[in-house]
Amino acid sequence: MAVLWANGVGSVGNVVLMDSIMEIREILAKLKPKVHVHFVPMFVNSAADFLAKQGAANGLVQEAWAC
């Protein structure tokens, strides 16, 4: 659902997430056509899944950078 919301498809039923989703949409609108958001199941991209789990387990702070 998060990918659909970020791409502007469907309505965000969770009011708590609305501000974050709208901020993501604004960032993506500035970066189009350079950036595309797609859902990739973790079993298809095991390397990225492994790195994400390692970061989460080690308390890695993730930051998003936008132009």
C-alpha atoms as a PDB file:
ATOM      1  CA  MET A   1       0.000   0.000   0.000  1.00  0.00           C
ATOM      2  CA  ALA A   2       2.836   2.407   0.765  1.00  0.00           C
ATOM      3  CA  VAL A   3       4.089   2.219  -2.822  1.00  0.00           C
ATOM      4  CA  LEU A   4       0.600   2.894  -4.157  1.00  0.00           C
ATOM      5  CA  TRP A   5       0.175   5.842  -1.790  1.00  0.00           C
ATOM      6  CA  ALA A   6       3.579   7.282  -2.734  1.00  0.00           C
ATOM      7  CA  ASN A   7       2.635   7.041  -6.400  1.00  0.00           C
ATOM      8  CA  GLY A   8      -0.673   8.808  -5.741  1.00  0.00           C
ATOM      9  CA  VAL A   9      -2.871   5.757  -6.254  1.00  0.00           C
ATOM     10  CA  GLY A  10      -5.683   5.197  -3.798  1.00  0.00           C
ATOM     11  CA  SER A  11      -6.527   7.107  -0.664  1.00  0.00           C
ATOM     12  CA  VAL A  12      -4.500   7.073   2.519  1.00  0.00           C
ATOM     13  CA  GLY A  13      -6.883   5.790   5.156  1.00  0.00           C
ATOM     14  CA  ASN A  14      -4.472   6.404   8.013  1.00  0.00           C
ATOM     15  CA  VAL A  15      -4.589  10.076   9.001  1.00  0.00           C
ATOM     16  CA  VAL A  16      -1.368   9.713  11.014  1.00  0.00           C
ATOM     17  CA  LEU A  17       0.528   8.796   7.833  1.00  0.00           C
ATOM     18  CA  MET A  18      -1.064  11.441   5.627  1.00  0.00           C
ATOM     19  CA  ASP A  19       1.576  14.148   6.251  1.00  0.00           C
ATOM     20  CA  SER A  20       4.424  11.743   5.541  1.00  0.00           C
ATOM     21  CA  ILE A  21       2.807  10.404   2.382  1.00  0.00           C
ATOM     22  CA  MET A  22       2.132  13.927   1.103  1.00  0.00           C
ATOM     23  CA  GLU A  23       5.762  14.888   1.774  1.00  0.00           C
ATOM     24  CA  ILE A  24       6.951  11.821  -0.157  1.00  0.00           C
ATOM     25  CA  ARG A  25       4.634  12.706  -3.055  1.00  0.00           C
ATOM     26  CA  GLU A  26       6.048  16.250  -3.159  1.00  0.00           C
ATOM     27  CA  ILE A  27       9.625  14.969  -3.252  1.00  0.00           C
ATOM     28  CA  LEU A  28       8.792  12.457  -5.985  1.00  0.00           C
ATOM     29  CA  ALA A  29       7.037  15.146  -8.033  1.00  0.00           C
ATOM     30  CA  LYS A  30      10.245  17.228  -7.979  1.00  0.00           C
ATOM     31  CA  LEU A  31      12.394  14.253  -8.989  1.00  0.00           C
ATOM     32  CA  LYS A  32      10.230  12.857 -11.809  1.00  0.00           C
ATOM     33  CA  PRO A  33      11.056  11.413 -14.325  1.00  0.00           C
ATOM     34  CA  LYS A  34      14.382  10.486 -12.680  1.00  0.00           C
ATOM     35  CA  VAL A  35      12.907   8.521  -9.767  1.00  0.00           C
ATOM     36  CA  HIS A  36      10.323   5.751  -9.820  1.00  0.00           C
ATOM     37  CA  VAL A  37       8.894   3.906  -6.834  1.00  0.00           C
ATOM     38  CA  HIS A  38       8.255   0.206  -7.381  1.00  0.00           C
ATOM     39  CA  PHE A  39       7.455  -2.689  -5.073  1.00  0.00           C
ATOM     40  CA  VAL A  40      10.075  -5.438  -5.144  1.00  0.00           C
ATOM     41  CA  PRO A  41       9.372  -8.489  -2.949  1.00  0.00           C
ATOM     42  CA  MET A  42      12.211  -9.224  -0.530  1.00  0.00           C
ATOM     43  CA  PHE A  43      12.734 -12.724  -1.897  1.00  0.00           C
ATOM     44  CA  VAL A  44      13.526 -11.202  -5.319  1.00  0.00           C
ATOM     45  CA  ASN A  45      16.068  -8.732  -3.935  1.00  0.00           C
ATOM     46  CA  SER A  46      17.725 -10.709  -1.167  1.00  0.00           C
ATOM     47  CA  ALA A  47      20.872  -8.532  -1.065  1.00  0.00           C
ATOM     48  CA  ALA A  48      18.908  -5.368  -0.277  1.00  0.00           C
ATOM     49  CA  ASP A  49      16.758  -7.274   2.217  1.00  0.00           C
ATOM     50  CA  PHE A  50      19.884  -8.563   3.980  1.00  0.00           C
ATOM     51  CA  LEU A  51      21.389  -5.053   4.200  1.00  0.00           C
ATOM     52  CA  ALA A  52      18.132  -3.577   5.491  1.00  0.00           C
ATOM     53  CA  LYS A  53      17.902  -6.234   8.210  1.00  0.00           C
ATOM     54  CA  GLN A  54      21.540  -5.688   9.193  1.00  0.00           C
ATOM     55  CA  GLY A  55      20.972  -1.960   9.467  1.00  0.00           C
ATOM     56  CA  ALA A  56      17.839  -2.425  11.548  1.00  0.00           C
ATOM     57  CA  ALA A  57      19.518  -4.945  13.852  1.00  0.00           C
ATOM     58  CA  ASN A  58      22.498  -2.647  14.439  1.00  0.00           C
ATOM     59  CA  GLY A  59      20.423   0.466  15.124  1.00  0.00           C
ATOM     60  CA  LEU A  60      21.374   2.220  11.895  1.00  0.00           C
ATOM     61  CA  VAL A  61      19.802   5.644  11.578  1.00  0.00           C
ATOM     62  CA  GLN A  62      18.378   6.084   8.096  1.00  0.00           C
ATOM     63  CA  GLU A  63      18.179   9.530   6.558  1.00  0.00           C
ATOM     64  CA  ALA A  64      16.444  10.547   3.376  1.00  0.00           C
ATOM     65  CA  TRP A  65      18.065  13.163   1.164  1.00  0.00           C
ATOM     66  CA  ALA A  66      15.994  15.097  -1.322  1.00  0.00           C
ATOM     67  CA  CYS A  67      17.072  17.562  -3.980  1.00  0.00           C
END
